[in-house]
Amino acid sequence: MKTNLMFPMRAVKHYPQWIAEGSLGELARFVEDAGFDGFAMSEHPYPDKAWLANGGHHAFDPYVALSVAAEATRRLRLITYVMVAGYRSPYLAAKSAASLDLLSGGRFTLGMAAGYLETEFHALRADFDRRGKLLDEGIAAMRAVWTGVDHDGPEFGVSGHESLPLPQQAGGPPIWIGGNSKAARRRVVELADGWMPIAQSAEMAAITRTPPLEDLASLRTLIAEQNDRRAALGRAPMDVSFVPFEKDLLRTDADAFCAALAPRLDEYADAGVTWLTIEPASRSYDDFKRDVTLMSERLIRR
């Protein structure tokens, strides 16, 4: 089981004060040196203030931020966690993904989701009601770009165009799909390479409009069901990246988080989780370095 470090989303709002004399490149290199396998960025280009006041967060542009991390590192997997597909043309997204993949030496993983923040869709003049349908065809359009062929489809069909350079990874970067919904799980089975299910209470599930996921037994069942459906289609088992159920402990005590999670690492792996994603809640870059060092010592098996 690999480990993925999510940049602390709450740090973005006060980034100049949070990072102090450091830099994002230095931070990514620190994460790599600590033994993490991946480094991830979220996306929220223009969220509404009411959502922000009720637990929402700002985010860097993921491609800009991950490009900085790519230049400063040599081994880290660079992951969008997640890019909201409907916020941009699939052709622009394919160009960004191919560019980052090639320039990073083939280290990019494209985590995508349909999205749920309706107000942000409206602000960006994106189509909220048809976001799922557009995501399905958008994946096909992106993969056509990455293999140098035309895409024939009702929404994004285009012929006689070309986008170079191609990504370094043959056929394009792996695509992971985020979300617990039935539609998200179908995309994972039929279209993608990995899944990012969300641990969430019934209360949070109402906000994201997706089913709750509250315990490891349920996660194990869902992963097995997905892999069985993939096998029936002749597809290999999927990658599964998961933010652990113990995540809330990180809000106040990284040591307590490590103490609770460390004994359960084998359980997560046995359940089918291939990537464990951790987002520190560190209040400063100095705190971040202490927290990452602690997690490296307690959670990463070398």
C-alpha atoms as a PDB file:
ATOM      1  CA  MET A   1       0.000   0.000   0.000  1.00  0.00           C
ATOM      2  CA  LYS A   2       1.410   3.360  -1.088  1.00  0.00           C
ATOM      3  CA  THR A   3       1.029   6.696   0.672  1.00  0.00           C
ATOM      4  CA  ASN A   4      -0.181   9.939  -0.876  1.00  0.00           C
ATOM      5  CA  LEU A   5       0.212  13.324   0.850  1.00  0.00           C
ATOM      6  CA  MET A   6      -2.534  15.836   0.129  1.00  0.00           C
ATOM      7  CA  PHE A   7      -1.388  19.451   0.406  1.00  0.00           C
ATOM      8  CA  PRO A   8      -3.274  20.940   3.399  1.00  0.00           C
ATOM      9  CA  MET A   9      -6.222  22.646   1.780  1.00  0.00           C
ATOM     10  CA  ARG A  10      -6.771  24.994   4.720  1.00  0.00           C
ATOM     11  CA  ALA A  11      -3.252  26.384   4.178  1.00  0.00           C
ATOM     12  CA  VAL A  12      -4.159  27.966   0.838  1.00  0.00           C
ATOM     13  CA  LYS A  13      -6.181  30.837   2.330  1.00  0.00           C
ATOM     14  CA  HIS A  14      -3.211  32.185   4.272  1.00  0.00           C
ATOM     15  CA  TYR A  15      -0.450  30.640   2.177  1.00  0.00           C
ATOM     16  CA  PRO A  16       2.153  33.474   2.377  1.00  0.00           C
ATOM     17  CA  GLN A  17       1.963  33.426   6.182  1.00  0.00           C
ATOM     18  CA  TRP A  18       1.649  29.633   6.326  1.00  0.00           C
ATOM     19  CA  ILE A  19       4.705  28.889   4.171  1.00  0.00           C
ATOM     20  CA  ALA A  20       6.768  31.763   5.679  1.00  0.00           C
ATOM     21  CA  GLU A  21      10.345  31.455   4.338  1.00  0.00           C
ATOM     22  CA  GLY A  22       9.681  28.121   2.648  1.00  0.00           C
ATOM     23  CA  SER A  23       8.359  27.296  -0.827  1.00  0.00           C
ATOM     24  CA  LEU A  24       6.018  24.784  -2.415  1.00  0.00           C
ATOM     25  CA  GLY A  25       8.896  23.117  -4.240  1.00  0.00           C
ATOM     26  CA  GLU A  26      10.840  22.738  -1.009  1.00  0.00           C
ATOM     27  CA  LEU A  27       7.730  21.308   0.647  1.00  0.00           C
ATOM     28  CA  ALA A  28       7.208  18.734  -2.116  1.00  0.00           C
ATOM     29  CA  ARG A  29      10.853  17.678  -1.870  1.00  0.00           C
ATOM     30  CA  PHE A  30      10.440  17.286   1.891  1.00  0.00           C
ATOM     31  CA  VAL A  31       7.417  15.027   1.304  1.00  0.00           C
ATOM     32  CA  GLU A  32       9.398  12.928  -1.167  1.00  0.00           C
ATOM     33  CA  ASP A  33      12.359  12.636   1.183  1.00  0.00           C
ATOM     34  CA  ALA A  34       9.991  11.555   3.973  1.00  0.00           C
ATOM     35  CA  GLY A  35       9.101   8.483   1.908  1.00  0.00           C
ATOM     36  CA  PHE A  36       5.656   9.371   0.571  1.00  0.00           C
ATOM     37  CA  ASP A  37       4.817   8.004  -2.871  1.00  0.00           C
ATOM     38  CA  GLY A  38       2.414  10.695  -4.062  1.00  0.00           C
ATOM     39  CA  PHE A  39       1.634  14.399  -3.706  1.00  0.00           C
ATOM     40  CA  ALA A  40      -1.867  15.673  -4.413  1.00  0.00           C
ATOM     41  CA  MET A  41      -3.734  18.919  -5.014  1.00  0.00           C
ATOM     42  CA  SER A  42      -7.446  19.623  -4.867  1.00  0.00           C
ATOM     43  CA  GLU A  43      -9.444  22.033  -7.046  1.00  0.00           C
ATOM     44  CA  HIS A  44     -11.943  24.812  -6.328  1.00  0.00           C
ATOM     45  CA  PRO A  45     -11.393  27.741  -8.715  1.00  0.00           C
ATOM     46  CA  TYR A  46     -14.290  29.984  -7.595  1.00  0.00           C
ATOM     47  CA  PRO A  47     -16.312  28.678  -4.608  1.00  0.00           C
ATOM     48  CA  ASP A  48     -19.087  30.670  -3.013  1.00  0.00           C
ATOM     49  CA  LYS A  49     -18.604  32.404   0.332  1.00  0.00           C
ATOM     50  CA  ALA A  50     -21.458  30.574   2.084  1.00  0.00           C
ATOM     51  CA  TRP A  51     -19.844  27.205   1.293  1.00  0.00           C
ATOM     52  CA  LEU A  52     -16.470  28.484   2.451  1.00  0.00           C
ATOM     53  CA  ALA A  53     -18.012  29.665   5.738  1.00  0.00           C
ATOM     54  CA  ASN A  54     -19.451  26.195   6.348  1.00  0.00           C
ATOM     55  CA  GLY A  55     -16.305  24.102   6.029  1.00  0.00           C
ATOM     56  CA  GLY A  56     -15.327  24.684   2.395  1.00  0.00           C
ATOM     57  CA  HIS A  57     -11.804  25.511   1.305  1.00  0.00           C
ATOM     58  CA  HIS A  58      -9.774  27.332  -1.304  1.00  0.00           C
ATOM     59  CA  ALA A  59      -7.305  25.566  -3.607  1.00  0.00           C
ATOM     60  CA  PHE A  60      -4.396  26.302  -5.891  1.00  0.00           C
ATOM     61  CA  ASP A  61      -4.790  25.645  -9.574  1.00  0.00           C
ATOM     62  CA  PRO A  62      -3.782  21.965  -9.465  1.00  0.00           C
ATOM     63  CA  TYR A  63      -1.750  21.977 -12.679  1.00  0.00           C
ATOM     64  CA  VAL A  64       0.279  25.032 -11.706  1.00  0.00           C
ATOM     65  CA  ALA A  65       0.952  23.714  -8.204  1.00  0.00           C
ATOM     66  CA  LEU A  66       1.798  20.175  -9.319  1.00  0.00           C
ATOM     67  CA  SER A  67       4.148  21.556 -11.970  1.00  0.00           C
ATOM     68  CA  VAL A  68       6.097  23.332  -9.231  1.00  0.00           C
ATOM     69  CA  ALA A  69       6.190  20.069  -7.264  1.00  0.00           C
ATOM     70  CA  ALA A  70       7.271  18.118 -10.345  1.00  0.00           C
ATOM     71  CA  GLU A  71      10.285  20.329 -10.950  1.00  0.00           C
ATOM     72  CA  ALA A  72      11.439  19.985  -7.342  1.00  0.00           C
ATOM     73  CA  THR A  73      11.106  16.178  -7.136  1.00  0.00           C
ATOM     74  CA  ARG A  74      12.154  13.080  -9.032  1.00  0.00           C
ATOM     75  CA  ARG A  75      10.035  10.211  -7.723  1.00  0.00           C
ATOM     76  CA  LEU A  76       6.707  11.523  -6.353  1.00  0.00           C
ATOM     77  CA  ARG A  77       3.519  10.646  -8.181  1.00  0.00           C
ATOM     78  CA  LEU A  78       1.631  13.896  -8.941  1.00  0.00           C
ATOM     79  CA  ILE A  79      -2.125  13.572  -8.457  1.00  0.00           C
ATOM     80  CA  THR A  80      -5.172  15.784  -8.938  1.00  0.00           C
ATOM     81  CA  TYR A  81      -7.459  14.969  -6.025  1.00  0.00           C
ATOM     82  CA  VAL A  82      -9.686  15.873  -7.749  1.00  0.00           C
ATOM     83  CA  MET A  83     -10.016  17.832 -10.959  1.00  0.00           C
ATOM     84  CA  VAL A  84     -13.680  18.675 -11.534  1.00  0.00           C
ATOM     85  CA  ALA A  85     -14.168  17.565 -15.122  1.00  0.00           C
ATOM     86  CA  GLY A  86     -17.031  19.907 -15.988  1.00  0.00           C
ATOM     87  CA  TYR A  87     -15.089  23.060 -15.175  1.00  0.00           C
ATOM     88  CA  ARG A  88     -13.046  22.926 -18.394  1.00  0.00           C
ATOM     89  CA  SER A  89     -13.123  21.616 -21.947  1.00  0.00           C
ATOM     90  CA  PRO A  90     -11.798  18.049 -22.139  1.00  0.00           C
ATOM     91  CA  TYR A  91      -9.386  19.254 -24.815  1.00  0.00           C
ATOM     92  CA  LEU A  92      -7.892  21.883 -22.512  1.00  0.00           C
ATOM     93  CA  ALA A  93      -7.763  19.315 -19.718  1.00  0.00           C
ATOM     94  CA  ALA A  94      -6.070  16.801 -22.025  1.00  0.00           C
ATOM     95  CA  LYS A  95      -3.453  19.398 -22.982  1.00  0.00           C
ATOM     96  CA  SER A  96      -2.708  20.243 -19.333  1.00  0.00           C
ATOM     97  CA  ALA A  97      -2.533  16.583 -18.346  1.00  0.00           C
ATOM     98  CA  ALA A  98      -0.290  15.610 -21.268  1.00  0.00           C
ATOM     99  CA  SER A  99       2.020  18.553 -20.640  1.00  0.00           C
ATOM    100  CA  LEU A 100       2.406  17.769 -16.949  1.00  0.00           C
ATOM    101  CA  ASP A 101       2.854  14.071 -17.616  1.00  0.00           C
ATOM    102  CA  LEU A 102       5.615  14.594 -20.167  1.00  0.00           C
ATOM    103  CA  LEU A 103       7.408  17.345 -18.245  1.00  0.00           C
ATOM    104  CA  SER A 104       7.332  15.290 -15.024  1.00  0.00           C
ATOM    105  CA  GLY A 105       8.725  12.184 -16.682  1.00  0.00           C
ATOM    106  CA  GLY A 106       5.442  10.261 -16.699  1.00  0.00           C
ATOM    107  CA  ARG A 107       4.546  10.806 -13.046  1.00  0.00           C
ATOM    108  CA  PHE A 108       1.032  12.221 -13.378  1.00  0.00           C
ATOM    109  CA  THR A 109      -2.241  10.600 -12.265  1.00  0.00           C
ATOM    110  CA  LEU A 110      -5.462  12.362 -13.250  1.00  0.00           C
ATOM    111  CA  GLY A 111      -8.011  12.137 -10.468  1.00  0.00           C
ATOM    112  CA  MET A 112     -11.379  13.391 -11.706  1.00  0.00           C
ATOM    113  CA  ALA A 113     -14.933  13.692 -10.467  1.00  0.00           C
ATOM    114  CA  ALA A 114     -18.249  15.005 -11.699  1.00  0.00           C
ATOM    115  CA  GLY A 115     -18.356  17.572  -8.885  1.00  0.00           C
ATOM    116  CA  TYR A 116     -21.122  18.594  -6.508  1.00  0.00           C
ATOM    117  CA  LEU A 117     -20.832  22.346  -5.755  1.00  0.00           C
ATOM    118  CA  GLU A 118     -23.663  23.673  -7.909  1.00  0.00           C
ATOM    119  CA  THR A 119     -22.946  27.328  -7.155  1.00  0.00           C
ATOM    120  CA  GLU A 120     -19.402  26.969  -8.453  1.00  0.00           C
ATOM    121  CA  PHE A 121     -20.655  25.363 -11.661  1.00  0.00           C
ATOM    122  CA  HIS A 122     -22.968  28.319 -12.186  1.00  0.00           C
ATOM    123  CA  ALA A 123     -20.219  30.860 -11.491  1.00  0.00           C
ATOM    124  CA  LEU A 124     -18.000  29.178 -14.094  1.00  0.00           C
ATOM    125  CA  ARG A 125     -20.895  28.886 -16.576  1.00  0.00           C
ATOM    126  CA  ALA A 126     -20.482  25.106 -16.486  1.00  0.00           C
ATOM    127  CA  ASP A 127     -23.324  22.640 -17.020  1.00  0.00           C
ATOM    128  CA  PHE A 128     -24.247  21.223 -13.616  1.00  0.00           C
ATOM    129  CA  ASP A 129     -27.294  19.228 -14.716  1.00  0.00           C
ATOM    130  CA  ARG A 130     -25.440  17.281 -17.419  1.00  0.00           C
ATOM    131  CA  ARG A 131     -22.087  17.023 -15.640  1.00  0.00           C
ATOM    132  CA  GLY A 132     -22.159  13.212 -15.473  1.00  0.00           C
ATOM    133  CA  LYS A 133     -22.912  12.711 -19.141  1.00  0.00           C
ATOM    134  CA  LEU A 134     -20.249  15.241 -20.106  1.00  0.00           C
ATOM    135  CA  LEU A 135     -17.706  13.512 -17.879  1.00  0.00           C
ATOM    136  CA  ASP A 136     -18.305  10.152 -19.572  1.00  0.00           C
ATOM    137  CA  GLU A 137     -17.730  11.537 -23.045  1.00  0.00           C
ATOM    138  CA  GLY A 138     -14.982  13.838 -21.805  1.00  0.00           C
ATOM    139  CA  ILE A 139     -12.895  10.832 -20.740  1.00  0.00           C
ATOM    140  CA  ALA A 140     -13.227   9.357 -24.215  1.00  0.00           C
ATOM    141  CA  ALA A 141     -12.293  12.689 -25.816  1.00  0.00           C
ATOM    142  CA  MET A 142      -9.212  13.054 -23.624  1.00  0.00           C
ATOM    143  CA  ARG A 143      -8.011   9.555 -24.363  1.00  0.00           C
ATOM    144  CA  ALA A 144      -8.476  10.204 -28.077  1.00  0.00           C
ATOM    145  CA  VAL A 145      -6.223  13.268 -27.778  1.00  0.00           C
ATOM    146  CA  TRP A 146      -3.591  11.265 -25.895  1.00  0.00           C
ATOM    147  CA  THR A 147      -3.476   8.590 -28.613  1.00  0.00           C
ATOM    148  CA  GLY A 148      -3.536  11.031 -31.526  1.00  0.00           C
ATOM    149  CA  VAL A 149      -6.923  10.110 -32.993  1.00  0.00           C
ATOM    150  CA  ASP A 150     -10.165  11.993 -33.592  1.00  0.00           C
ATOM    151  CA  HIS A 151     -13.019  11.754 -31.114  1.00  0.00           C
ATOM    152  CA  ASP A 152     -16.474  11.045 -32.536  1.00  0.00           C
ATOM    153  CA  GLY A 153     -19.166  12.040 -30.061  1.00  0.00           C
ATOM    154  CA  PRO A 154     -22.275  14.221 -29.774  1.00  0.00           C
ATOM    155  CA  GLU A 155     -20.793  16.706 -27.298  1.00  0.00           C
ATOM    156  CA  PHE A 156     -17.097  16.924 -28.110  1.00  0.00           C
ATOM    157  CA  GLY A 157     -16.764  15.336 -31.538  1.00  0.00           C
ATOM    158  CA  VAL A 158     -13.973  17.032 -33.523  1.00  0.00           C
ATOM    159  CA  SER A 159     -11.992  15.969 -36.573  1.00  0.00           C
ATOM    160  CA  GLY A 160      -8.937  17.375 -38.285  1.00  0.00           C
ATOM    161  CA  HIS A 161      -7.216  18.587 -35.111  1.00  0.00           C
ATOM    162  CA  GLU A 162      -4.113  17.493 -33.247  1.00  0.00           C
ATOM    163  CA  SER A 163      -2.553  18.148 -29.823  1.00  0.00           C
ATOM    164  CA  LEU A 164       1.179  17.683 -29.278  1.00  0.00           C
ATOM    165  CA  PRO A 165       3.188  16.733 -27.389  1.00  0.00           C
ATOM    166  CA  LEU A 166       1.610  13.478 -26.338  1.00  0.00           C
ATOM    167  CA  PRO A 167       1.935  12.359 -22.709  1.00  0.00           C
ATOM    168  CA  GLN A 168       4.900  10.213 -21.742  1.00  0.00           C
ATOM    169  CA  GLN A 169       2.728   7.412 -20.383  1.00  0.00           C
ATOM    170  CA  ALA A 170       1.417   5.411 -23.342  1.00  0.00           C
ATOM    171  CA  GLY A 171      -2.266   6.136 -23.833  1.00  0.00           C
ATOM    172  CA  GLY A 172      -2.146   8.913 -21.258  1.00  0.00           C
ATOM    173  CA  PRO A 173      -1.944   9.139 -17.485  1.00  0.00           C
ATOM    174  CA  PRO A 174      -4.008   6.799 -15.309  1.00  0.00           C
ATOM    175  CA  ILE A 175      -7.481   8.131 -14.583  1.00  0.00           C
ATOM    176  CA  TRP A 176      -8.944   7.775 -11.104  1.00  0.00           C
ATOM    177  CA  ILE A 177     -12.591   8.599 -10.444  1.00  0.00           C
ATOM    178  CA  GLY A 178     -13.719  10.158  -7.184  1.00  0.00           C
ATOM    179  CA  GLY A 179     -17.051   9.655  -5.467  1.00  0.00           C
ATOM    180  CA  ASN A 180     -19.376   7.066  -3.987  1.00  0.00           C
ATOM    181  CA  SER A 181     -22.346   7.439  -6.287  1.00  0.00           C
ATOM    182  CA  LYS A 182     -23.632   4.655  -8.506  1.00  0.00           C
ATOM    183  CA  ALA A 183     -22.550   6.635 -11.565  1.00  0.00           C
ATOM    184  CA  ALA A 184     -19.029   7.151 -10.195  1.00  0.00           C
ATOM    185  CA  ARG A 185     -18.711   3.438  -9.463  1.00  0.00           C
ATOM    186  CA  ARG A 186     -19.871   2.607 -12.995  1.00  0.00           C
ATOM    187  CA  ARG A 187     -17.195   4.900 -14.442  1.00  0.00           C
ATOM    188  CA  VAL A 188     -14.560   3.176 -12.334  1.00  0.00           C
ATOM    189  CA  VAL A 189     -15.608  -0.208 -13.680  1.00  0.00           C
ATOM    190  CA  GLU A 190     -15.987   0.778 -17.325  1.00  0.00           C
ATOM    191  CA  LEU A 191     -13.764   3.774 -18.009  1.00  0.00           C
ATOM    192  CA  ALA A 192     -11.090   4.386 -15.398  1.00  0.00           C
ATOM    193  CA  ASP A 193      -8.011   2.884 -13.777  1.00  0.00           C
ATOM    194  CA  GLY A 194      -8.678   3.731 -10.153  1.00  0.00           C
ATOM    195  CA  TRP A 195     -11.243   4.817  -7.587  1.00  0.00           C
ATOM    196  CA  MET A 196     -11.249   7.452  -4.841  1.00  0.00           C
ATOM    197  CA  PRO A 197     -14.203   6.638  -2.573  1.00  0.00           C
ATOM    198  CA  ILE A 198     -15.022   9.126   0.168  1.00  0.00           C
ATOM    199  CA  ALA A 199     -15.364   8.304   3.847  1.00  0.00           C
ATOM    200  CA  GLN A 200     -18.336  10.355   4.901  1.00  0.00           C
ATOM    201  CA  SER A 201     -21.122  10.492   7.413  1.00  0.00           C
ATOM    202  CA  ALA A 202     -24.777  10.594   6.465  1.00  0.00           C
ATOM    203  CA  GLU A 203     -24.679  14.359   7.101  1.00  0.00           C
ATOM    204  CA  MET A 204     -21.811  14.906   4.690  1.00  0.00           C
ATOM    205  CA  ALA A 205     -23.376  12.530   2.204  1.00  0.00           C
ATOM    206  CA  ALA A 206     -26.406  14.824   2.060  1.00  0.00           C
ATOM    207  CA  ILE A 207     -24.132  17.727   1.076  1.00  0.00           C
ATOM    208  CA  THR A 208     -22.246  15.810  -1.613  1.00  0.00           C
ATOM    209  CA  ARG A 209     -25.417  13.986  -2.726  1.00  0.00           C
ATOM    210  CA  THR A 210     -23.654  10.613  -2.656  1.00  0.00           C
ATOM    211  CA  PRO A 211     -24.054   7.530  -0.439  1.00  0.00           C
ATOM    212  CA  PRO A 212     -22.418   7.522   3.015  1.00  0.00           C
ATOM    213  CA  LEU A 213     -19.380   5.366   3.761  1.00  0.00           C
ATOM    214  CA  GLU A 214     -18.717   4.997   7.466  1.00  0.00           C
ATOM    215  CA  ASP A 215     -16.728   1.825   8.189  1.00  0.00           C
ATOM    216  CA  LEU A 216     -14.014  -0.465   6.853  1.00  0.00           C
ATOM    217  CA  ALA A 217     -16.345  -3.420   6.326  1.00  0.00           C
ATOM    218  CA  SER A 218     -18.485  -1.352   3.947  1.00  0.00           C
ATOM    219  CA  LEU A 219     -15.391  -0.152   2.111  1.00  0.00           C
ATOM    220  CA  ARG A 220     -14.129  -3.723   1.726  1.00  0.00           C
ATOM    221  CA  THR A 221     -17.461  -4.822   0.260  1.00  0.00           C
ATOM    222  CA  LEU A 222     -17.594  -1.939  -2.219  1.00  0.00           C
ATOM    223  CA  ILE A 223     -14.035  -2.529  -3.413  1.00  0.00           C
ATOM    224  CA  ALA A 224     -14.665  -6.243  -3.902  1.00  0.00           C
ATOM    225  CA  GLU A 225     -17.850  -5.538  -5.843  1.00  0.00           C
ATOM    226  CA  GLN A 226     -16.049  -3.083  -8.110  1.00  0.00           C
ATOM    227  CA  ASN A 227     -13.181  -5.442  -8.826  1.00  0.00           C
ATOM    228  CA  ASP A 228     -15.584  -8.311  -9.507  1.00  0.00           C
ATOM    229  CA  ARG A 229     -17.419  -6.185 -12.066  1.00  0.00           C
ATOM    230  CA  ARG A 230     -14.120  -5.179 -13.673  1.00  0.00           C
ATOM    231  CA  ALA A 231     -13.012  -8.817 -13.839  1.00  0.00           C
ATOM    232  CA  ALA A 232     -16.237  -9.715 -15.621  1.00  0.00           C
ATOM    233  CA  LEU A 233     -15.282  -7.185 -18.299  1.00  0.00           C
ATOM    234  CA  GLY A 234     -11.746  -8.549 -18.529  1.00  0.00           C
ATOM    235  CA  ARG A 235     -10.271  -5.545 -16.723  1.00  0.00           C
ATOM    236  CA  ALA A 236      -7.500  -5.632 -14.121  1.00  0.00           C
ATOM    237  CA  PRO A 237      -8.110  -4.779 -10.453  1.00  0.00           C
ATOM    238  CA  MET A 238      -8.298  -1.047  -9.868  1.00  0.00           C
ATOM    239  CA  ASP A 239      -6.141   1.219  -7.767  1.00  0.00           C
ATOM    240  CA  VAL A 240      -8.041   2.472  -4.709  1.00  0.00           C
ATOM    241  CA  SER A 241      -6.973   5.665  -2.987  1.00  0.00           C
ATOM    242  CA  PHE A 242      -8.682   6.357   0.317  1.00  0.00           C
ATOM    243  CA  VAL A 243      -8.531   9.012   3.028  1.00  0.00           C
ATOM    244  CA  PRO A 244      -8.717   6.901   6.218  1.00  0.00           C
ATOM    245  CA  PHE A 245     -11.632   6.947   8.621  1.00  0.00           C
ATOM    246  CA  GLU A 246      -9.258   8.212  11.323  1.00  0.00           C
ATOM    247  CA  LYS A 247      -8.764  11.483   9.423  1.00  0.00           C
ATOM    248  CA  ASP A 248     -10.674  13.664  11.890  1.00  0.00           C
ATOM    249  CA  LEU A 249      -7.995  13.065  14.510  1.00  0.00           C
ATOM    250  CA  LEU A 250      -5.572  15.066  12.358  1.00  0.00           C
ATOM    251  CA  ARG A 251      -7.507  18.242  13.092  1.00  0.00           C
ATOM    252  CA  THR A 252      -6.102  18.348  16.598  1.00  0.00           C
ATOM    253  CA  ASP A 253      -3.441  15.693  17.131  1.00  0.00           C
ATOM    254  CA  ALA A 254      -1.188  14.085  14.522  1.00  0.00           C
ATOM    255  CA  ASP A 255       0.232  11.738  17.153  1.00  0.00           C
ATOM    256  CA  ALA A 256      -3.233  10.427  18.038  1.00  0.00           C
ATOM    257  CA  PHE A 257      -3.964   9.993  14.324  1.00  0.00           C
ATOM    258  CA  CYS A 258      -0.834   7.891  13.847  1.00  0.00           C
ATOM    259  CA  ALA A 259      -1.535   5.861  16.971  1.00  0.00           C
ATOM    260  CA  ALA A 260      -5.042   5.042  15.741  1.00  0.00           C
ATOM    261  CA  LEU A 261      -4.130   4.345  12.115  1.00  0.00           C
ATOM    262  CA  ALA A 262      -0.860   2.403  12.421  1.00  0.00           C
ATOM    263  CA  PRO A 263      -2.430  -0.798  13.835  1.00  0.00           C
ATOM    264  CA  ARG A 264      -5.012  -0.794  11.035  1.00  0.00           C
ATOM    265  CA  LEU A 265      -2.728  -0.427   8.015  1.00  0.00           C
ATOM    266  CA  ASP A 266      -2.935  -4.137   7.208  1.00  0.00           C
ATOM    267  CA  GLU A 267      -6.732  -3.989   7.442  1.00  0.00           C
ATOM    268  CA  TYR A 268      -6.863  -1.219   4.861  1.00  0.00           C
ATOM    269  CA  ALA A 269      -4.520  -3.134   2.560  1.00  0.00           C
ATOM    270  CA  ASP A 270      -6.520  -6.326   2.981  1.00  0.00           C
ATOM    271  CA  ALA A 271      -9.693  -4.413   2.136  1.00  0.00           C
ATOM    272  CA  GLY A 272      -8.184  -3.520  -1.233  1.00  0.00           C
ATOM    273  CA  VAL A 273      -6.855  -0.008  -0.595  1.00  0.00           C
ATOM    274  CA  THR A 274      -3.705   0.502  -2.698  1.00  0.00           C
ATOM    275  CA  TRP A 275      -3.075   4.156  -1.864  1.00  0.00           C
ATOM    276  CA  LEU A 276      -3.653   5.748   1.537  1.00  0.00           C
ATOM    277  CA  THR A 277      -4.169   9.498   1.166  1.00  0.00           C
ATOM    278  CA  ILE A 278      -3.403  11.733   4.139  1.00  0.00           C
ATOM    279  CA  GLU A 279      -4.119  15.454   4.440  1.00  0.00           C
ATOM    280  CA  PRO A 280      -2.370  17.093   7.416  1.00  0.00           C
ATOM    281  CA  ALA A 281      -4.129  19.947   9.204  1.00  0.00           C
ATOM    282  CA  SER A 282      -0.842  21.638  10.100  1.00  0.00           C
ATOM    283  CA  ARG A 283      -1.181  25.314  11.036  1.00  0.00           C
ATOM    284  CA  SER A 284       2.211  26.336   9.626  1.00  0.00           C
ATOM    285  CA  TYR A 285       4.989  24.964   7.450  1.00  0.00           C
ATOM    286  CA  ASP A 286       7.063  24.221  10.547  1.00  0.00           C
ATOM    287  CA  ASP A 287       4.132  22.268  11.996  1.00  0.00           C
ATOM    288  CA  PHE A 288       3.704  20.533   8.647  1.00  0.00           C
ATOM    289  CA  LYS A 289       7.303  19.317   8.674  1.00  0.00           C
ATOM    290  CA  ARG A 290       6.901  17.971  12.192  1.00  0.00           C
ATOM    291  CA  ASP A 291       3.633  16.235  11.289  1.00  0.00           C
ATOM    292  CA  VAL A 292       5.030  14.719   8.083  1.00  0.00           C
ATOM    293  CA  THR A 293       8.119  13.477   9.905  1.00  0.00           C
ATOM    294  CA  LEU A 294       5.924  11.839  12.539  1.00  0.00           C
ATOM    295  CA  MET A 295       3.725  10.182   9.910  1.00  0.00           C
ATOM    296  CA  SER A 296       6.784   9.025   8.019  1.00  0.00           C
ATOM    297  CA  GLU A 297       8.175   7.344  11.123  1.00  0.00           C
ATOM    298  CA  ARG A 298       4.890   5.805  12.262  1.00  0.00           C
ATOM    299  CA  LEU A 299       3.013   4.961   9.062  1.00  0.00           C
ATOM    300  CA  ILE A 300       5.412   4.392   6.181  1.00  0.00           C
ATOM    301  CA  ARG A 301       6.926   0.940   5.939  1.00  0.00           C
ATOM    302  CA  ARG A 302      10.296   0.871   4.229  1.00  0.00           C
END
